[in-house]
Amino acid sequence: MTERVLEGKVALITGAGRGIGRAVALGYAREGASLALCSRTKKELAATEKAVAELGAASLMQTCDVSREKDVERFVGRAIETFGRIDVLVNNAGVAHRPVALVELAPEEWDRVLATNLRGAWLVARAVIPHMVRQRRGSVINVSSWLGRDALVGYGAYGVSKWGLEGLTRYLALELKSARVRVNSVSPGYVATRMTDYRGSKPENVVDLLVYLASDASAGLTGQQLDVETWKRDLRVRRK
């Protein structure tokens, strides 16, 4: 039997109802992880939970809006109560907006995007990380975008939220290094999800990198920006 690299680990995944979050949940289940899954959409989340159960993984499901502090606290509290620990956090929940110039974007739309993509990631990290610090180990994986490193006209609020997420990654990595909690970001590329009208590569293409970052094989790797298309080559170069 092939060794399952996440056996015994507990992973908390946001935005797990569809797309990248669902693909990662299934990938982690195959590798032996127990899962705490959240999404704003109960029906989609239930379908993910059923799929991971069919793979033999223990799971906890809860609807949660990551931009709401009380929602996050309840979800993380239930995960700790159920599993006793959290070894991996995948901050995947995110929203986009219609193409529009920044100065024409409605303030409520700006607030909505930043609240989920940046504030939400911070709120979940803020709730999970103290448990990782007490364990003296953990892996936080922030699902970012190439728009967190570059710019594209019409997608300013989304891009700014991802630039902020990259900054959050760097600061947390620096602050938590001595506690043996590592924090990295992943750029998945152009993936076929609802956000892209299902154009692009399959969400499953992201899974190998996120399994690697959740596993002990990446111990010591922190503060890195990794791209799904180039991460193996980039890591070889950085380690020379």
C-alpha atoms as a PDB file:
ATOM      1  CA  MET A   1       0.000   0.000   0.000  1.00  0.00           C
ATOM      2  CA  THR A   2       1.322   3.469  -0.932  1.00  0.00           C
ATOM      3  CA  GLU A   3       2.073   5.684   2.063  1.00  0.00           C
ATOM      4  CA  ARG A   4      -0.435   8.490   2.493  1.00  0.00           C
ATOM      5  CA  VAL A   5       1.545  11.656   3.195  1.00  0.00           C
ATOM      6  CA  LEU A   6      -1.156  13.450   5.226  1.00  0.00           C
ATOM      7  CA  GLU A   7      -2.113  10.506   7.438  1.00  0.00           C
ATOM      8  CA  GLY A   8      -3.030  11.745  10.918  1.00  0.00           C
ATOM      9  CA  LYS A   9      -3.166  15.429   9.945  1.00  0.00           C
ATOM     10  CA  VAL A  10      -6.194  17.698  10.292  1.00  0.00           C
ATOM     11  CA  ALA A  11      -6.741  20.282   7.570  1.00  0.00           C
ATOM     12  CA  LEU A  12      -9.156  23.205   7.658  1.00  0.00           C
ATOM     13  CA  ILE A  13     -10.200  24.408   4.201  1.00  0.00           C
ATOM     14  CA  THR A  14     -12.294  27.488   3.445  1.00  0.00           C
ATOM     15  CA  GLY A  15     -14.329  27.810   0.271  1.00  0.00           C
ATOM     16  CA  ALA A  16     -14.521  24.023   0.070  1.00  0.00           C
ATOM     17  CA  GLY A  17     -17.872  23.750  -1.706  1.00  0.00           C
ATOM     18  CA  ARG A  18     -16.560  23.906  -5.256  1.00  0.00           C
ATOM     19  CA  GLY A  19     -13.584  24.636  -7.462  1.00  0.00           C
ATOM     20  CA  ILE A  20     -10.113  24.640  -5.957  1.00  0.00           C
ATOM     21  CA  GLY A  21     -11.368  24.134  -2.405  1.00  0.00           C
ATOM     22  CA  ARG A  22     -13.303  21.010  -3.334  1.00  0.00           C
ATOM     23  CA  ALA A  23     -10.409  19.609  -5.372  1.00  0.00           C
ATOM     24  CA  VAL A  24      -7.988  20.153  -2.494  1.00  0.00           C
ATOM     25  CA  ALA A  25     -10.395  18.571  -0.005  1.00  0.00           C
ATOM     26  CA  LEU A  26     -10.607  15.443  -2.163  1.00  0.00           C
ATOM     27  CA  GLY A  27      -6.852  15.398  -2.648  1.00  0.00           C
ATOM     28  CA  TYR A  28      -6.223  15.695   1.083  1.00  0.00           C
ATOM     29  CA  ALA A  29      -8.794  12.976   1.785  1.00  0.00           C
ATOM     30  CA  ARG A  30      -6.956  10.611  -0.557  1.00  0.00           C
ATOM     31  CA  GLU A  31      -3.750  11.352   1.348  1.00  0.00           C
ATOM     32  CA  GLY A  32      -5.301  10.461   4.708  1.00  0.00           C
ATOM     33  CA  ALA A  33      -6.153  13.835   6.245  1.00  0.00           C
ATOM     34  CA  SER A  34      -9.201  14.579   8.390  1.00  0.00           C
ATOM     35  CA  LEU A  35     -11.025  17.655   7.163  1.00  0.00           C
ATOM     36  CA  ALA A  36     -12.848  20.684   8.538  1.00  0.00           C
ATOM     37  CA  LEU A  37     -14.675  22.205   5.574  1.00  0.00           C
ATOM     38  CA  CYS A  38     -16.557  25.459   5.242  1.00  0.00           C
ATOM     39  CA  SER A  39     -18.357  27.402   2.558  1.00  0.00           C
ATOM     40  CA  ARG A  40     -21.205  29.879   2.363  1.00  0.00           C
ATOM     41  CA  THR A  41     -23.290  27.449   0.270  1.00  0.00           C
ATOM     42  CA  LYS A  42     -24.640  24.493   2.225  1.00  0.00           C
ATOM     43  CA  LYS A  43     -25.717  22.362  -0.756  1.00  0.00           C
ATOM     44  CA  GLU A  44     -22.294  22.492  -2.428  1.00  0.00           C
ATOM     45  CA  LEU A  45     -20.521  21.908   0.855  1.00  0.00           C
ATOM     46  CA  ALA A  46     -22.659  18.853   1.585  1.00  0.00           C
ATOM     47  CA  ALA A  47     -21.692  17.411  -1.807  1.00  0.00           C
ATOM     48  CA  THR A  48     -18.000  17.872  -0.973  1.00  0.00           C
ATOM     49  CA  GLU A  49     -18.466  16.268   2.438  1.00  0.00           C
ATOM     50  CA  LYS A  50     -20.190  13.268   0.854  1.00  0.00           C
ATOM     51  CA  ALA A  51     -17.355  12.891  -1.653  1.00  0.00           C
ATOM     52  CA  VAL A  52     -14.608  12.954   0.986  1.00  0.00           C
ATOM     53  CA  ALA A  53     -16.579  10.500   3.139  1.00  0.00           C
ATOM     54  CA  GLU A  54     -16.658   8.090   0.193  1.00  0.00           C
ATOM     55  CA  LEU A  55     -12.858   8.289   0.241  1.00  0.00           C
ATOM     56  CA  GLY A  56     -12.870   7.260   3.896  1.00  0.00           C
ATOM     57  CA  ALA A  57     -11.930  10.631   5.389  1.00  0.00           C
ATOM     58  CA  ALA A  58     -13.377  11.971   8.633  1.00  0.00           C
ATOM     59  CA  SER A  59     -14.859  15.413   8.092  1.00  0.00           C
ATOM     60  CA  LEU A  60     -16.689  18.298   9.706  1.00  0.00           C
ATOM     61  CA  MET A  61     -18.889  20.577   7.612  1.00  0.00           C
ATOM     62  CA  GLN A  62     -20.144  24.036   8.531  1.00  0.00           C
ATOM     63  CA  THR A  63     -21.481  26.973   6.557  1.00  0.00           C
ATOM     64  CA  CYS A  64     -19.368  30.026   7.260  1.00  0.00           C
ATOM     65  CA  ASP A  65     -18.868  33.510   5.859  1.00  0.00           C
ATOM     66  CA  VAL A  66     -15.160  34.107   6.478  1.00  0.00           C
ATOM     67  CA  SER A  67     -15.644  37.873   6.511  1.00  0.00           C
ATOM     68  CA  ARG A  68     -17.691  37.530   9.727  1.00  0.00           C
ATOM     69  CA  GLU A  69     -15.662  37.123  12.884  1.00  0.00           C
ATOM     70  CA  LYS A  70     -18.318  35.183  14.811  1.00  0.00           C
ATOM     71  CA  ASP A  71     -18.796  32.725  11.930  1.00  0.00           C
ATOM     72  CA  VAL A  72     -15.062  32.072  11.853  1.00  0.00           C
ATOM     73  CA  GLU A  73     -14.776  31.649  15.602  1.00  0.00           C
ATOM     74  CA  ARG A  74     -17.649  29.136  15.662  1.00  0.00           C
ATOM     75  CA  PHE A  75     -16.215  27.130  12.796  1.00  0.00           C
ATOM     76  CA  VAL A  76     -12.668  26.962  14.153  1.00  0.00           C
ATOM     77  CA  GLY A  77     -14.007  26.195  17.630  1.00  0.00           C
ATOM     78  CA  ARG A  78     -16.012  23.252  16.279  1.00  0.00           C
ATOM     79  CA  ALA A  79     -12.988  21.968  14.380  1.00  0.00           C
ATOM     80  CA  ILE A  80     -10.855  21.980  17.536  1.00  0.00           C
ATOM     81  CA  GLU A  81     -13.661  20.395  19.541  1.00  0.00           C
ATOM     82  CA  THR A  82     -14.074  17.657  16.923  1.00  0.00           C
ATOM     83  CA  PHE A  83     -10.469  16.849  16.051  1.00  0.00           C
ATOM     84  CA  GLY A  84      -8.429  18.334  18.905  1.00  0.00           C
ATOM     85  CA  ARG A  85      -5.960  20.044  16.572  1.00  0.00           C
ATOM     86  CA  ILE A  86      -5.474  21.798  13.230  1.00  0.00           C
ATOM     87  CA  ASP A  87      -2.286  21.032  11.331  1.00  0.00           C
ATOM     88  CA  VAL A  88      -3.039  22.692   7.998  1.00  0.00           C
ATOM     89  CA  LEU A  89      -5.016  25.793   7.061  1.00  0.00           C
ATOM     90  CA  VAL A  90      -5.948  26.417   3.438  1.00  0.00           C
ATOM     91  CA  ASN A  91      -7.246  29.967   3.048  1.00  0.00           C
ATOM     92  CA  ASN A  92      -9.063  29.456  -0.231  1.00  0.00           C
ATOM     93  CA  ALA A  93     -12.368  31.358   0.051  1.00  0.00           C
ATOM     94  CA  GLY A  94     -12.504  34.228  -2.396  1.00  0.00           C
ATOM     95  CA  VAL A  95     -14.764  36.400  -4.518  1.00  0.00           C
ATOM     96  CA  ALA A  96     -14.246  38.507  -7.638  1.00  0.00           C
ATOM     97  CA  HIS A  97     -16.033  41.438  -9.287  1.00  0.00           C
ATOM     98  CA  ARG A  98     -17.086  42.463 -12.770  1.00  0.00           C
ATOM     99  CA  PRO A  99     -14.408  44.178 -14.898  1.00  0.00           C
ATOM    100  CA  VAL A 100     -14.469  47.865 -13.995  1.00  0.00           C
ATOM    101  CA  ALA A 101     -11.986  50.681 -13.443  1.00  0.00           C
ATOM    102  CA  LEU A 102     -11.117  51.206  -9.783  1.00  0.00           C
ATOM    103  CA  VAL A 103     -12.501  54.752  -9.713  1.00  0.00           C
ATOM    104  CA  GLU A 104     -15.819  53.447 -11.078  1.00  0.00           C
ATOM    105  CA  LEU A 105     -16.116  50.582  -8.613  1.00  0.00           C
ATOM    106  CA  ALA A 106     -18.884  50.996  -6.046  1.00  0.00           C
ATOM    107  CA  PRO A 107     -17.559  51.284  -2.481  1.00  0.00           C
ATOM    108  CA  GLU A 108     -19.773  48.404  -1.328  1.00  0.00           C
ATOM    109  CA  GLU A 109     -18.224  46.183  -4.026  1.00  0.00           C
ATOM    110  CA  TRP A 110     -14.713  47.152  -2.891  1.00  0.00           C
ATOM    111  CA  ASP A 111     -15.688  46.337   0.682  1.00  0.00           C
ATOM    112  CA  ARG A 112     -17.188  42.980  -0.314  1.00  0.00           C
ATOM    113  CA  VAL A 113     -14.062  41.809  -2.157  1.00  0.00           C
ATOM    114  CA  LEU A 114     -11.567  43.005   0.457  1.00  0.00           C
ATOM    115  CA  ALA A 115     -13.711  41.631   3.292  1.00  0.00           C
ATOM    116  CA  THR A 116     -13.642  38.089   1.928  1.00  0.00           C
ATOM    117  CA  ASN A 117     -10.295  37.839   0.176  1.00  0.00           C
ATOM    118  CA  LEU A 118      -8.109  39.664   2.699  1.00  0.00           C
ATOM    119  CA  ARG A 119      -9.954  40.284   5.940  1.00  0.00           C
ATOM    120  CA  GLY A 120     -11.437  36.790   5.779  1.00  0.00           C
ATOM    121  CA  ALA A 121      -8.040  35.151   5.349  1.00  0.00           C
ATOM    122  CA  TRP A 122      -6.700  37.165   8.274  1.00  0.00           C
ATOM    123  CA  LEU A 123      -9.682  36.312  10.489  1.00  0.00           C
ATOM    124  CA  VAL A 124      -9.321  32.581   9.838  1.00  0.00           C
ATOM    125  CA  ALA A 125      -5.557  32.686  10.340  1.00  0.00           C
ATOM    126  CA  ARG A 126      -6.059  34.684  13.535  1.00  0.00           C
ATOM    127  CA  ALA A 127      -8.398  31.994  14.890  1.00  0.00           C
ATOM    128  CA  VAL A 128      -6.324  28.972  13.803  1.00  0.00           C
ATOM    129  CA  ILE A 129      -2.719  30.040  14.396  1.00  0.00           C
ATOM    130  CA  PRO A 130      -2.785  30.124  18.226  1.00  0.00           C
ATOM    131  CA  HIS A 131      -3.609  26.400  18.155  1.00  0.00           C
ATOM    132  CA  MET A 132      -0.698  25.769  15.779  1.00  0.00           C
ATOM    133  CA  VAL A 133       1.640  27.754  17.999  1.00  0.00           C
ATOM    134  CA  ARG A 134       0.675  25.616  20.978  1.00  0.00           C
ATOM    135  CA  GLN A 135       1.371  22.507  18.872  1.00  0.00           C
ATOM    136  CA  ARG A 136       4.720  23.994  17.805  1.00  0.00           C
ATOM    137  CA  ARG A 137       3.954  23.154  14.176  1.00  0.00           C
ATOM    138  CA  GLY A 138       1.540  23.948  11.388  1.00  0.00           C
ATOM    139  CA  SER A 139       1.212  24.963   7.742  1.00  0.00           C
ATOM    140  CA  VAL A 140      -0.831  27.915   6.500  1.00  0.00           C
ATOM    141  CA  ILE A 141      -1.443  28.018   2.744  1.00  0.00           C
ATOM    142  CA  ASN A 142      -2.942  31.184   1.258  1.00  0.00           C
ATOM    143  CA  VAL A 143      -4.477  30.716  -2.182  1.00  0.00           C
ATOM    144  CA  SER A 144      -3.459  33.884  -3.984  1.00  0.00           C
ATOM    145  CA  SER A 145      -3.219  34.875  -7.655  1.00  0.00           C
ATOM    146  CA  TRP A 146      -0.752  36.226 -10.186  1.00  0.00           C
ATOM    147  CA  LEU A 147      -2.766  39.437  -9.743  1.00  0.00           C
ATOM    148  CA  GLY A 148      -1.213  39.613  -6.283  1.00  0.00           C
ATOM    149  CA  ARG A 149       2.136  40.194  -7.999  1.00  0.00           C
ATOM    150  CA  ASP A 150       1.095  42.075 -11.146  1.00  0.00           C
ATOM    151  CA  ALA A 151      -1.852  44.151 -12.355  1.00  0.00           C
ATOM    152  CA  LEU A 152      -4.660  43.822 -14.894  1.00  0.00           C
ATOM    153  CA  VAL A 153      -6.923  46.704 -15.869  1.00  0.00           C
ATOM    154  CA  GLY A 154     -10.478  46.205 -14.657  1.00  0.00           C
ATOM    155  CA  TYR A 155      -9.698  43.875 -11.758  1.00  0.00           C
ATOM    156  CA  GLY A 156      -8.263  46.347  -9.274  1.00  0.00           C
ATOM    157  CA  ALA A 157     -10.150  45.427  -6.112  1.00  0.00           C
ATOM    158  CA  TYR A 158      -9.480  41.720  -6.627  1.00  0.00           C
ATOM    159  CA  GLY A 159      -5.835  42.433  -7.387  1.00  0.00           C
ATOM    160  CA  VAL A 160      -5.407  44.699  -4.379  1.00  0.00           C
ATOM    161  CA  SER A 161      -6.930  42.021  -2.149  1.00  0.00           C
ATOM    162  CA  LYS A 162      -4.383  39.499  -3.448  1.00  0.00           C
ATOM    163  CA  TRP A 163      -1.478  41.929  -3.088  1.00  0.00           C
ATOM    164  CA  GLY A 164      -2.627  42.296   0.505  1.00  0.00           C
ATOM    165  CA  LEU A 165      -2.785  38.516   0.884  1.00  0.00           C
ATOM    166  CA  GLU A 166       0.821  38.258  -0.263  1.00  0.00           C
ATOM    167  CA  GLY A 167       1.773  40.826   2.364  1.00  0.00           C
ATOM    168  CA  LEU A 168      -0.166  38.912   5.001  1.00  0.00           C
ATOM    169  CA  THR A 169       1.736  35.775   4.003  1.00  0.00           C
ATOM    170  CA  ARG A 170       5.123  37.440   4.396  1.00  0.00           C
ATOM    171  CA  TYR A 171       4.319  39.052   7.745  1.00  0.00           C
ATOM    172  CA  LEU A 172       2.854  35.895   9.255  1.00  0.00           C
ATOM    173  CA  ALA A 173       5.779  33.818   8.004  1.00  0.00           C
ATOM    174  CA  LEU A 174       8.211  36.201   9.671  1.00  0.00           C
ATOM    175  CA  GLU A 175       6.290  36.408  12.940  1.00  0.00           C
ATOM    176  CA  LEU A 176       5.689  32.657  13.225  1.00  0.00           C
ATOM    177  CA  LYS A 177       9.001  31.204  12.084  1.00  0.00           C
ATOM    178  CA  SER A 178      10.292  30.680  15.627  1.00  0.00           C
ATOM    179  CA  ALA A 179       7.058  28.825  16.509  1.00  0.00           C
ATOM    180  CA  ARG A 180       7.647  26.375  13.624  1.00  0.00           C
ATOM    181  CA  VAL A 181       4.442  27.499  11.908  1.00  0.00           C
ATOM    182  CA  ARG A 182       5.092  28.061   8.224  1.00  0.00           C
ATOM    183  CA  VAL A 183       3.085  30.302   5.922  1.00  0.00           C
ATOM    184  CA  ASN A 184       3.230  30.242   2.120  1.00  0.00           C
ATOM    185  CA  SER A 185       1.133  31.497  -0.777  1.00  0.00           C
ATOM    186  CA  VAL A 186       0.113  29.709  -3.953  1.00  0.00           C
ATOM    187  CA  SER A 187      -0.752  31.179  -7.327  1.00  0.00           C
ATOM    188  CA  PRO A 188      -2.983  28.580  -9.021  1.00  0.00           C
ATOM    189  CA  GLY A 189      -2.977  30.217 -12.445  1.00  0.00           C
ATOM    190  CA  TYR A 190      -6.087  30.507 -14.608  1.00  0.00           C
ATOM    191  CA  VAL A 191      -8.348  27.783 -13.247  1.00  0.00           C
ATOM    192  CA  ALA A 192     -11.763  26.698 -14.519  1.00  0.00           C
ATOM    193  CA  THR A 193     -14.062  27.806 -11.680  1.00  0.00           C
ATOM    194  CA  ARG A 194     -17.225  29.854 -11.397  1.00  0.00           C
ATOM    195  CA  MET A 195     -14.986  32.914 -10.999  1.00  0.00           C
ATOM    196  CA  THR A 196     -13.553  32.363 -14.524  1.00  0.00           C
ATOM    197  CA  ASP A 197     -16.813  31.142 -16.107  1.00  0.00           C
ATOM    198  CA  TYR A 198     -15.227  27.682 -16.033  1.00  0.00           C
ATOM    199  CA  ARG A 199     -12.437  28.619 -18.428  1.00  0.00           C
ATOM    200  CA  GLY A 200      -8.879  27.505 -17.730  1.00  0.00           C
ATOM    201  CA  SER A 201      -7.102  24.486 -16.309  1.00  0.00           C
ATOM    202  CA  LYS A 202      -8.738  21.897 -14.078  1.00  0.00           C
ATOM    203  CA  PRO A 203      -8.857  22.673 -10.327  1.00  0.00           C
ATOM    204  CA  GLU A 204      -7.202  19.293  -9.750  1.00  0.00           C
ATOM    205  CA  ASN A 205      -3.975  20.711 -11.227  1.00  0.00           C
ATOM    206  CA  VAL A 206      -3.509  22.705  -8.032  1.00  0.00           C
ATOM    207  CA  VAL A 207      -3.663  19.708  -5.706  1.00  0.00           C
ATOM    208  CA  ASP A 208      -0.085  18.402  -5.900  1.00  0.00           C
ATOM    209  CA  LEU A 209       1.404  21.694  -4.710  1.00  0.00           C
ATOM    210  CA  LEU A 210      -1.076  22.057  -1.863  1.00  0.00           C
ATOM    211  CA  VAL A 211      -0.473  18.458  -0.755  1.00  0.00           C
ATOM    212  CA  TYR A 212       3.265  19.167  -0.757  1.00  0.00           C
ATOM    213  CA  LEU A 213       2.857  22.314   1.364  1.00  0.00           C
ATOM    214  CA  ALA A 214       0.625  20.452   3.821  1.00  0.00           C
ATOM    215  CA  SER A 215       3.053  17.550   4.164  1.00  0.00           C
ATOM    216  CA  ASP A 216       6.230  17.146   6.180  1.00  0.00           C
ATOM    217  CA  ALA A 217       8.187  17.129   2.922  1.00  0.00           C
ATOM    218  CA  SER A 218       7.992  20.938   2.916  1.00  0.00           C
ATOM    219  CA  ALA A 219       9.083  21.370   6.552  1.00  0.00           C
ATOM    220  CA  GLY A 220      11.048  24.585   6.931  1.00  0.00           C
ATOM    221  CA  LEU A 221       9.647  26.190   3.776  1.00  0.00           C
ATOM    222  CA  THR A 222       8.022  29.479   4.719  1.00  0.00           C
ATOM    223  CA  GLY A 223       7.370  32.940   3.333  1.00  0.00           C
ATOM    224  CA  GLN A 224       7.401  31.649  -0.250  1.00  0.00           C
ATOM    225  CA  GLN A 225       5.282  32.599  -3.253  1.00  0.00           C
ATOM    226  CA  LEU A 226       4.811  29.448  -5.328  1.00  0.00           C
ATOM    227  CA  ASP A 227       3.264  29.087  -8.765  1.00  0.00           C
ATOM    228  CA  VAL A 228       1.450  25.882  -9.705  1.00  0.00           C
ATOM    229  CA  GLU A 229       3.124  25.773 -13.124  1.00  0.00           C
ATOM    230  CA  THR A 230       6.712  26.323 -11.959  1.00  0.00           C
ATOM    231  CA  TRP A 231       6.988  25.386  -8.266  1.00  0.00           C
ATOM    232  CA  LYS A 232       9.113  22.262  -8.653  1.00  0.00           C
ATOM    233  CA  ARG A 233      11.671  24.055 -10.792  1.00  0.00           C
ATOM    234  CA  ASP A 234      11.611  27.170  -8.602  1.00  0.00           C
ATOM    235  CA  LEU A 235      12.203  25.196  -5.406  1.00  0.00           C
ATOM    236  CA  ARG A 236      15.169  23.405  -6.953  1.00  0.00           C
ATOM    237  CA  VAL A 237      16.691  26.765  -7.885  1.00  0.00           C
ATOM    238  CA  ARG A 238      16.033  28.344  -4.466  1.00  0.00           C
ATOM    239  CA  ARG A 239      17.568  25.433  -2.593  1.00  0.00           C
ATOM    240  CA  LYS A 240      20.845  25.472  -4.525  1.00  0.00           C
END
